[in-house]
Structures are given as structure tokens and as C-alpha cells.
N, C-alpha and C. Protein backbone atom coordinates (compact mmCIF):
# COMPACT_ATOMS: atom_id res chain seq x y z
N GLY A 1 147.58 173.46 86.08
CA GLY A 1 148.04 173.33 84.70
C GLY A 1 148.55 171.96 84.35
N ASP A 2 147.92 170.87 84.86
CA ASP A 2 148.49 169.62 84.36
C ASP A 2 147.80 169.11 83.10
N HIS A 3 146.92 169.93 82.54
CA HIS A 3 146.26 169.48 81.32
C HIS A 3 147.23 169.46 80.14
N ASP A 4 148.34 170.18 80.25
CA ASP A 4 149.15 170.33 79.04
C ASP A 4 150.13 169.19 78.80
N HIS A 5 150.34 168.33 79.80
CA HIS A 5 151.22 167.22 79.47
C HIS A 5 150.44 165.92 79.33
N GLY A 6 149.23 166.04 78.87
CA GLY A 6 148.38 164.87 78.73
C GLY A 6 148.84 163.96 77.60
N ASP A 7 147.90 163.17 77.12
CA ASP A 7 148.26 162.16 76.14
C ASP A 7 148.63 162.71 74.79
N HIS A 8 148.20 163.93 74.51
CA HIS A 8 148.31 164.36 73.13
C HIS A 8 149.74 164.39 72.64
N ASP A 9 150.71 164.60 73.55
CA ASP A 9 152.03 164.82 72.99
C ASP A 9 152.76 163.55 72.59
N HIS A 10 152.48 162.42 73.24
CA HIS A 10 153.22 161.26 72.77
C HIS A 10 152.48 160.49 71.69
N GLY A 11 151.22 160.83 71.49
CA GLY A 11 150.49 160.14 70.43
C GLY A 11 150.88 160.65 69.06
N ASP A 12 151.19 161.94 68.99
CA ASP A 12 151.35 162.53 67.67
C ASP A 12 152.59 162.08 66.94
N HIS A 13 153.72 162.03 67.66
CA HIS A 13 154.92 161.94 66.86
C HIS A 13 155.12 160.60 66.19
N ASP A 14 154.55 159.51 66.75
CA ASP A 14 154.86 158.28 66.05
C ASP A 14 153.84 157.89 64.99
N HIS A 15 152.74 158.61 64.91
CA HIS A 15 151.82 158.31 63.80
C HIS A 15 151.79 159.48 62.84
N GLY A 16 152.75 160.35 62.96
CA GLY A 16 152.72 161.59 62.19
C GLY A 16 153.08 161.36 60.74
N ASP A 17 153.72 162.36 60.16
CA ASP A 17 153.98 162.34 58.73
C ASP A 17 154.78 161.13 58.30
N GLY A 18 155.65 160.66 59.17
CA GLY A 18 156.58 159.61 58.77
C GLY A 18 155.92 158.28 58.56
N SER A 19 154.64 158.15 58.96
CA SER A 19 154.10 156.80 58.97
C SER A 19 153.33 156.44 57.71
N ASP A 20 153.27 157.32 56.74
CA ASP A 20 152.52 156.97 55.53
C ASP A 20 153.37 156.06 54.68
N PRO A 21 152.97 154.77 54.57
CA PRO A 21 153.84 153.81 53.89
C PRO A 21 154.03 154.12 52.41
N SER A 22 153.16 154.98 51.84
CA SER A 22 153.32 155.26 50.42
C SER A 22 154.39 156.31 50.18
N LEU A 23 154.85 156.96 51.25
CA LEU A 23 155.89 157.96 51.07
C LEU A 23 157.24 157.33 51.38
N PRO A 24 158.25 157.66 50.60
CA PRO A 24 159.56 157.10 50.94
C PRO A 24 160.03 157.72 52.25
N PRO A 25 160.68 156.93 53.09
CA PRO A 25 161.14 157.52 54.35
C PRO A 25 162.20 158.57 54.05
N THR A 26 162.23 159.64 54.80
CA THR A 26 163.22 160.67 54.51
C THR A 26 164.61 160.24 54.93
N GLY A 27 164.67 159.28 55.84
CA GLY A 27 165.98 158.73 56.16
C GLY A 27 166.71 159.54 57.20
N ASP A 28 166.62 160.88 57.14
CA ASP A 28 167.38 161.61 58.13
C ASP A 28 166.54 162.01 59.33
N ASP A 29 165.28 161.61 59.36
CA ASP A 29 164.50 162.05 60.50
C ASP A 29 164.79 161.21 61.75
N HIS A 30 165.48 160.11 61.61
CA HIS A 30 165.87 159.37 62.80
C HIS A 30 167.29 159.73 63.21
N GLY A 31 167.99 160.40 62.33
CA GLY A 31 169.37 160.74 62.61
C GLY A 31 170.20 159.53 62.97
N HIS A 32 169.90 158.37 62.39
CA HIS A 32 170.73 157.25 62.81
C HIS A 32 171.89 157.01 61.85
N HIS A 33 172.68 156.01 62.19
CA HIS A 33 173.97 155.81 61.55
C HIS A 33 173.90 155.68 60.04
N GLN A 34 175.05 155.72 59.47
CA GLN A 34 175.28 155.49 58.06
C GLN A 34 174.56 154.21 57.61
N ASP A 35 174.01 154.23 56.41
CA ASP A 35 173.42 153.01 55.88
C ASP A 35 174.51 151.97 55.65
N ALA A 36 174.12 150.72 55.74
CA ALA A 36 175.05 149.64 55.43
C ALA A 36 175.56 149.82 54.01
N GLU A 37 176.82 149.50 53.80
CA GLU A 37 177.37 149.69 52.46
C GLU A 37 177.61 148.37 51.75
N THR A 38 177.48 147.27 52.47
CA THR A 38 177.61 145.98 51.80
C THR A 38 176.35 145.18 52.08
N TYR A 39 176.13 144.20 51.22
CA TYR A 39 174.98 143.33 51.39
C TYR A 39 175.02 142.63 52.75
N ASP A 40 176.19 142.14 53.13
CA ASP A 40 176.31 141.43 54.41
C ASP A 40 175.89 142.32 55.58
N GLU A 41 176.37 143.56 55.56
CA GLU A 41 176.02 144.49 56.64
C GLU A 41 174.52 144.76 56.65
N ALA A 42 173.97 144.93 55.46
CA ALA A 42 172.54 145.24 55.35
C ALA A 42 171.71 144.11 55.95
N VAL A 43 172.10 142.88 55.64
CA VAL A 43 171.35 141.73 56.15
C VAL A 43 171.51 141.64 57.67
N THR A 44 172.71 141.92 58.15
CA THR A 44 172.94 141.91 59.60
C THR A 44 172.01 142.91 60.29
N GLU A 45 171.87 144.10 59.69
CA GLU A 45 170.97 145.11 60.26
C GLU A 45 169.52 144.65 60.22
N LEU A 46 169.15 144.03 59.10
CA LEU A 46 167.78 143.54 58.99
C LEU A 46 167.49 142.51 60.07
N LEU A 47 168.44 141.61 60.28
CA LEU A 47 168.23 140.56 61.28
C LEU A 47 168.11 141.16 62.68
N ALA A 48 168.91 142.17 62.95
CA ALA A 48 168.86 142.81 64.27
C ALA A 48 167.51 143.52 64.45
N THR A 49 167.04 144.16 63.38
CA THR A 49 165.76 144.87 63.44
C THR A 49 164.62 143.87 63.60
N GLN A 50 164.69 142.78 62.86
CA GLN A 50 163.69 141.74 62.98
C GLN A 50 163.64 141.19 64.40
N LYS A 51 164.82 141.03 65.01
CA LYS A 51 164.89 140.50 66.37
C LYS A 51 164.16 141.46 67.33
N ALA A 52 164.38 142.75 67.14
CA ALA A 52 163.72 143.74 68.00
C ALA A 52 162.21 143.67 67.83
N ILE A 53 161.77 143.51 66.59
CA ILE A 53 160.33 143.43 66.31
C ILE A 53 159.74 142.17 66.94
N ALA A 54 160.42 141.04 66.71
CA ALA A 54 159.93 139.76 67.22
C ALA A 54 159.84 139.79 68.74
N GLU A 55 160.88 140.35 69.38
CA GLU A 55 160.89 140.38 70.84
C GLU A 55 159.79 141.29 71.38
N ALA A 56 159.56 142.40 70.71
CA ALA A 56 158.50 143.31 71.16
C ALA A 56 157.14 142.62 71.11
N PHE A 57 156.87 141.91 70.01
CA PHE A 57 155.58 141.23 69.91
C PHE A 57 155.50 140.06 70.88
N ALA A 58 156.60 139.35 71.05
CA ALA A 58 156.61 138.21 71.97
C ALA A 58 156.29 138.68 73.39
N ALA A 59 156.76 139.87 73.72
CA ALA A 59 156.53 140.42 75.06
C ALA A 59 155.19 141.13 75.16
N GLY A 60 154.45 141.17 74.05
CA GLY A 60 153.17 141.86 74.04
C GLY A 60 153.31 143.37 74.08
N LYS A 61 154.48 143.87 73.68
CA LYS A 61 154.70 145.32 73.69
C LYS A 61 154.71 145.86 72.26
N GLN A 62 153.54 145.92 71.67
CA GLN A 62 153.45 146.35 70.28
C GLN A 62 154.12 147.69 70.02
N ASP A 63 154.00 148.59 71.00
CA ASP A 63 154.54 149.93 70.78
C ASP A 63 156.04 149.90 70.56
N ASP A 64 156.71 148.95 71.22
CA ASP A 64 158.15 148.84 71.05
C ASP A 64 158.52 148.40 69.64
N ALA A 65 157.58 147.77 68.96
CA ALA A 65 157.87 147.27 67.62
C ALA A 65 157.74 148.38 66.58
N HIS A 66 157.14 149.49 67.01
CA HIS A 66 156.80 150.51 66.02
C HIS A 66 158.02 151.14 65.36
N GLY A 67 159.00 151.51 66.18
CA GLY A 67 160.20 152.13 65.64
C GLY A 67 160.92 151.22 64.66
N PRO A 68 161.24 149.99 65.10
CA PRO A 68 161.91 149.07 64.18
C PRO A 68 161.09 148.75 62.94
N LEU A 69 159.76 148.73 63.08
CA LEU A 69 158.93 148.45 61.89
C LEU A 69 159.09 149.55 60.85
N HIS A 70 159.21 150.79 61.32
CA HIS A 70 159.39 151.87 60.36
C HIS A 70 160.81 151.88 59.80
N ASP A 71 161.78 151.50 60.63
CA ASP A 71 163.16 151.42 60.13
C ASP A 71 163.31 150.34 59.07
N VAL A 72 162.55 149.26 59.25
CA VAL A 72 162.78 148.10 58.42
C VAL A 72 162.51 148.41 56.94
N GLY A 73 161.55 149.28 56.67
CA GLY A 73 161.27 149.63 55.27
C GLY A 73 162.48 150.28 54.62
N HIS A 74 163.11 151.14 55.39
CA HIS A 74 164.30 151.83 54.90
C HIS A 74 165.44 150.82 54.69
N LEU A 75 165.61 149.92 55.64
CA LEU A 75 166.66 148.90 55.53
C LEU A 75 166.42 147.99 54.33
N LEU A 76 165.16 147.61 54.12
CA LEU A 76 164.85 146.74 52.98
C LEU A 76 165.16 147.44 51.67
N GLY A 77 164.80 148.72 51.60
CA GLY A 77 165.08 149.48 50.38
C GLY A 77 166.57 149.54 50.12
N ASN A 78 167.33 149.77 51.17
CA ASN A 78 168.77 149.84 51.05
C ASN A 78 169.36 148.49 50.64
N THR A 79 168.85 147.42 51.23
CA THR A 79 169.33 146.07 50.89
C THR A 79 169.08 145.79 49.42
N GLU A 80 167.91 146.20 48.95
CA GLU A 80 167.55 145.97 47.56
C GLU A 80 168.53 146.69 46.62
N THR A 81 168.87 147.93 46.98
CA THR A 81 169.83 148.69 46.18
C THR A 81 171.18 147.98 46.14
N LEU A 82 171.60 147.46 47.28
CA LEU A 82 172.89 146.77 47.35
C LEU A 82 172.87 145.48 46.53
N ILE A 83 171.74 144.80 46.51
CA ILE A 83 171.61 143.59 45.69
C ILE A 83 171.77 143.96 44.22
N GLU A 84 171.08 145.03 43.81
CA GLU A 84 171.17 145.47 42.42
C GLU A 84 172.61 145.77 42.01
N LYS A 85 173.35 146.41 42.92
CA LYS A 85 174.71 146.84 42.60
C LYS A 85 175.72 145.71 42.72
N SER A 86 175.30 144.59 43.29
CA SER A 86 176.27 143.55 43.63
C SER A 86 176.68 142.75 42.40
N GLU A 87 177.64 141.86 42.62
CA GLU A 87 178.14 141.00 41.55
C GLU A 87 177.34 139.71 41.42
N MET A 88 176.26 139.60 42.12
CA MET A 88 175.51 138.34 42.08
C MET A 88 174.92 138.10 40.69
N ASP A 89 174.68 136.83 40.39
CA ASP A 89 174.08 136.57 39.08
C ASP A 89 172.58 136.91 39.11
N ASP A 90 172.00 136.99 37.91
CA ASP A 90 170.63 137.49 37.81
C ASP A 90 169.62 136.62 38.56
N ASP A 91 169.82 135.30 38.51
CA ASP A 91 168.88 134.42 39.21
C ASP A 91 168.88 134.72 40.70
N THR A 92 170.10 134.90 41.21
CA THR A 92 170.23 135.18 42.65
C THR A 92 169.57 136.51 42.98
N LYS A 93 169.84 137.52 42.16
CA LYS A 93 169.25 138.83 42.41
C LYS A 93 167.73 138.75 42.42
N LYS A 94 167.21 137.97 41.47
CA LYS A 94 165.77 137.84 41.37
C LYS A 94 165.21 137.18 42.63
N LYS A 95 165.88 136.12 43.06
CA LYS A 95 165.42 135.39 44.24
C LYS A 95 165.45 136.29 45.48
N LEU A 96 166.52 137.05 45.61
CA LEU A 96 166.66 137.92 46.78
C LEU A 96 165.66 139.07 46.72
N SER A 97 165.43 139.60 45.52
CA SER A 97 164.44 140.69 45.40
C SER A 97 163.06 140.19 45.79
N GLU A 98 162.77 138.94 45.42
CA GLU A 98 161.48 138.37 45.80
C GLU A 98 161.37 138.25 47.32
N ALA A 99 162.47 137.86 47.95
CA ALA A 99 162.47 137.76 49.42
C ALA A 99 162.22 139.14 50.03
N ILE A 100 162.85 140.16 49.45
CA ILE A 100 162.66 141.53 49.94
C ILE A 100 161.18 141.95 49.79
N GLU A 101 160.59 141.62 48.64
CA GLU A 101 159.18 141.94 48.42
C GLU A 101 158.30 141.28 49.48
N GLN A 102 158.61 140.02 49.78
CA GLN A 102 157.86 139.30 50.81
C GLN A 102 157.94 140.04 52.14
N LEU A 103 159.15 140.50 52.44
CA LEU A 103 159.36 141.19 53.72
C LEU A 103 158.61 142.52 53.74
N PHE A 104 158.70 143.26 52.64
CA PHE A 104 157.95 144.52 52.56
C PHE A 104 156.47 144.26 52.82
N ALA A 105 155.94 143.22 52.16
CA ALA A 105 154.52 142.92 52.28
C ALA A 105 154.17 142.53 53.72
N ALA A 106 155.01 141.68 54.30
CA ALA A 106 154.72 141.18 55.65
C ALA A 106 154.80 142.30 56.68
N TYR A 107 155.89 143.06 56.64
CA TYR A 107 156.02 144.14 57.62
C TYR A 107 154.97 145.22 57.39
N GLY A 108 154.65 145.46 56.13
CA GLY A 108 153.63 146.46 55.81
C GLY A 108 152.28 146.08 56.40
N ALA A 109 151.96 144.79 56.30
CA ALA A 109 150.68 144.30 56.83
C ALA A 109 150.63 144.45 58.35
N VAL A 110 151.77 144.18 59.00
CA VAL A 110 151.83 144.31 60.46
C VAL A 110 151.66 145.78 60.85
N ASP A 111 152.34 146.64 60.10
CA ASP A 111 152.25 148.07 60.39
C ASP A 111 150.82 148.58 60.18
N ASP A 112 150.18 148.13 59.10
CA ASP A 112 148.78 148.52 58.85
C ASP A 112 147.91 148.16 60.04
N LYS A 113 148.12 146.95 60.53
CA LYS A 113 147.30 146.45 61.63
C LYS A 113 147.49 147.31 62.88
N MET A 114 148.71 147.80 63.08
CA MET A 114 148.97 148.62 64.26
C MET A 114 148.28 149.97 64.16
N HIS A 115 148.11 150.45 62.93
CA HIS A 115 147.45 151.74 62.74
C HIS A 115 145.94 151.60 62.64
N ASN A 116 145.50 150.43 62.20
CA ASN A 116 144.07 150.24 61.98
C ASN A 116 143.76 148.76 62.10
N SER A 117 143.15 148.38 63.22
CA SER A 117 142.99 146.96 63.50
C SER A 117 142.08 146.25 62.50
N GLU A 118 141.38 147.00 61.68
CA GLU A 118 140.50 146.37 60.68
C GLU A 118 141.30 145.83 59.50
N LYS A 119 142.51 146.38 59.33
CA LYS A 119 143.31 146.03 58.16
C LYS A 119 144.56 145.27 58.60
N GLY A 120 145.29 144.79 57.62
CA GLY A 120 146.60 144.25 57.92
C GLY A 120 146.54 142.91 58.62
N LYS A 121 147.67 142.49 59.16
CA LYS A 121 147.78 141.18 59.78
C LYS A 121 148.52 141.28 61.10
N ASP A 122 148.25 140.31 61.95
CA ASP A 122 149.03 140.21 63.18
C ASP A 122 150.42 139.72 62.85
N TYR A 123 151.35 140.07 63.71
CA TYR A 123 152.72 139.61 63.50
C TYR A 123 152.77 138.09 63.42
N SER A 124 151.98 137.42 64.27
CA SER A 124 152.01 135.96 64.27
C SER A 124 151.57 135.37 62.92
N ASP A 125 150.74 136.12 62.18
CA ASP A 125 150.29 135.64 60.87
C ASP A 125 151.40 135.65 59.83
N VAL A 126 152.35 136.54 60.01
CA VAL A 126 153.37 136.71 58.96
C VAL A 126 154.76 136.30 59.42
N SER A 127 154.89 135.90 60.69
CA SER A 127 156.24 135.65 61.20
C SER A 127 156.94 134.55 60.40
N GLU A 128 156.19 133.56 59.96
CA GLU A 128 156.81 132.48 59.19
C GLU A 128 157.32 132.99 57.84
N GLN A 129 156.49 133.81 57.21
CA GLN A 129 156.88 134.41 55.93
C GLN A 129 158.16 135.24 56.11
N ILE A 130 158.21 135.99 57.21
CA ILE A 130 159.38 136.83 57.49
C ILE A 130 160.62 135.96 57.70
N GLU A 131 160.47 134.93 58.54
CA GLU A 131 161.62 134.05 58.81
C GLU A 131 162.13 133.40 57.52
N ASN A 132 161.19 132.92 56.69
CA ASN A 132 161.60 132.27 55.45
C ASN A 132 162.35 133.20 54.53
N ALA A 133 161.82 134.41 54.38
CA ALA A 133 162.45 135.38 53.48
C ALA A 133 163.83 135.77 54.02
N LEU A 134 163.91 135.96 55.33
CA LEU A 134 165.20 136.34 55.91
C LEU A 134 166.22 135.21 55.78
N SER A 135 165.76 133.96 55.86
CA SER A 135 166.74 132.90 55.73
C SER A 135 167.29 132.82 54.30
N GLU A 136 166.47 133.21 53.32
CA GLU A 136 166.98 133.33 51.94
C GLU A 136 168.11 134.36 51.88
N LEU A 137 167.84 135.51 52.48
CA LEU A 137 168.83 136.59 52.46
C LEU A 137 170.09 136.18 53.20
N LYS A 138 169.88 135.49 54.33
CA LYS A 138 171.01 135.08 55.15
C LYS A 138 171.86 134.03 54.44
N ALA A 139 171.19 133.13 53.71
CA ALA A 139 171.92 132.08 53.00
C ALA A 139 172.90 132.70 52.01
N GLN A 140 172.47 133.79 51.38
CA GLN A 140 173.32 134.44 50.40
C GLN A 140 174.55 135.09 51.05
N VAL A 141 174.40 135.56 52.27
CA VAL A 141 175.54 136.14 52.99
C VAL A 141 176.60 135.06 53.18
N ASN A 142 176.15 133.87 53.58
CA ASN A 142 177.11 132.79 53.81
C ASN A 142 177.81 132.41 52.52
N ILE A 143 177.07 132.40 51.42
CA ILE A 143 177.67 132.06 50.13
C ILE A 143 178.72 133.10 49.75
N SER A 144 178.38 134.37 49.95
CA SER A 144 179.31 135.41 49.49
C SER A 144 180.56 135.49 50.36
N LYS A 145 180.52 134.85 51.52
CA LYS A 145 181.71 134.86 52.39
C LYS A 145 182.74 133.83 51.94
N GLU A 146 182.30 132.82 51.19
CA GLU A 146 183.23 131.73 50.86
C GLU A 146 184.31 132.17 49.89
């Protein structure tokens, strides 16, 4: 009876229902901590998630990047909400929202590529875009601390 612990069981859960990028993440299927409640916290989480993704690709372990890639969409959405609610001026909000859009696009392309090699982009193709957008977000954290 060793046929029953074959490949089928670990393949299903990470490409299952949760991976359709057009659906909003349910948020509670990872059972992870409370969402960040301030912009600074949200950016800190994004940077940590980005680090996990970058390290996974650098090590050639694409599978390790999968979890953080799916989390990142949720984090970006949350960051965007916090930007909207914040006291920042409209120009700043606009600039930060554009950075978030860049990140959504970049991470989305990487995720597409992992599900279907014909589509999407390699992480190396978008890493610069990601770094640039994150530095915009990070710059604002430093400003808001002053």
C-alpha cells in the first residue's frame, strides 16, 4: 500500500482554490497573525516577505517562494487600505498606490510563471521593479517617523 502517499497529496494544496489571482484571498486560510495596523508595520511585513521571496529564488528554491508570493498579495492589499486611511497628502497617496500597483504586477507575473512557464516573468526580470517600488514605500516610512 505505498501507492497512497505518492505525489498527489502535496501537489494539490498549494495550487488549489487559493491560487486564483482573480479571487481575493480569504485571509483566514493561513491562520496567520493579525494584519498590520499601521503603514509602517505593513511595509515592514512586505519587506520581510520580499526577503523570503528573494532568498528562495536566489537559492533556486522556487517552491519556497510560493507561500510568501501568495501572502504578498494580501499584504499589498492591506498596505493599500492603510495608505487610503492615512493622513498622507494626496500626491503621496497616489505615488504609493502606484508603487503598490507595480508590486502587484511584478509579483503576479512571477506567480503566473510558476503556474505556467509560458506566461509571466522570471523573478530576475522583475526584481528591479520590486526593489524600486519597495524603496518608495520604505522612504515614506522614514518620513512618517520624523
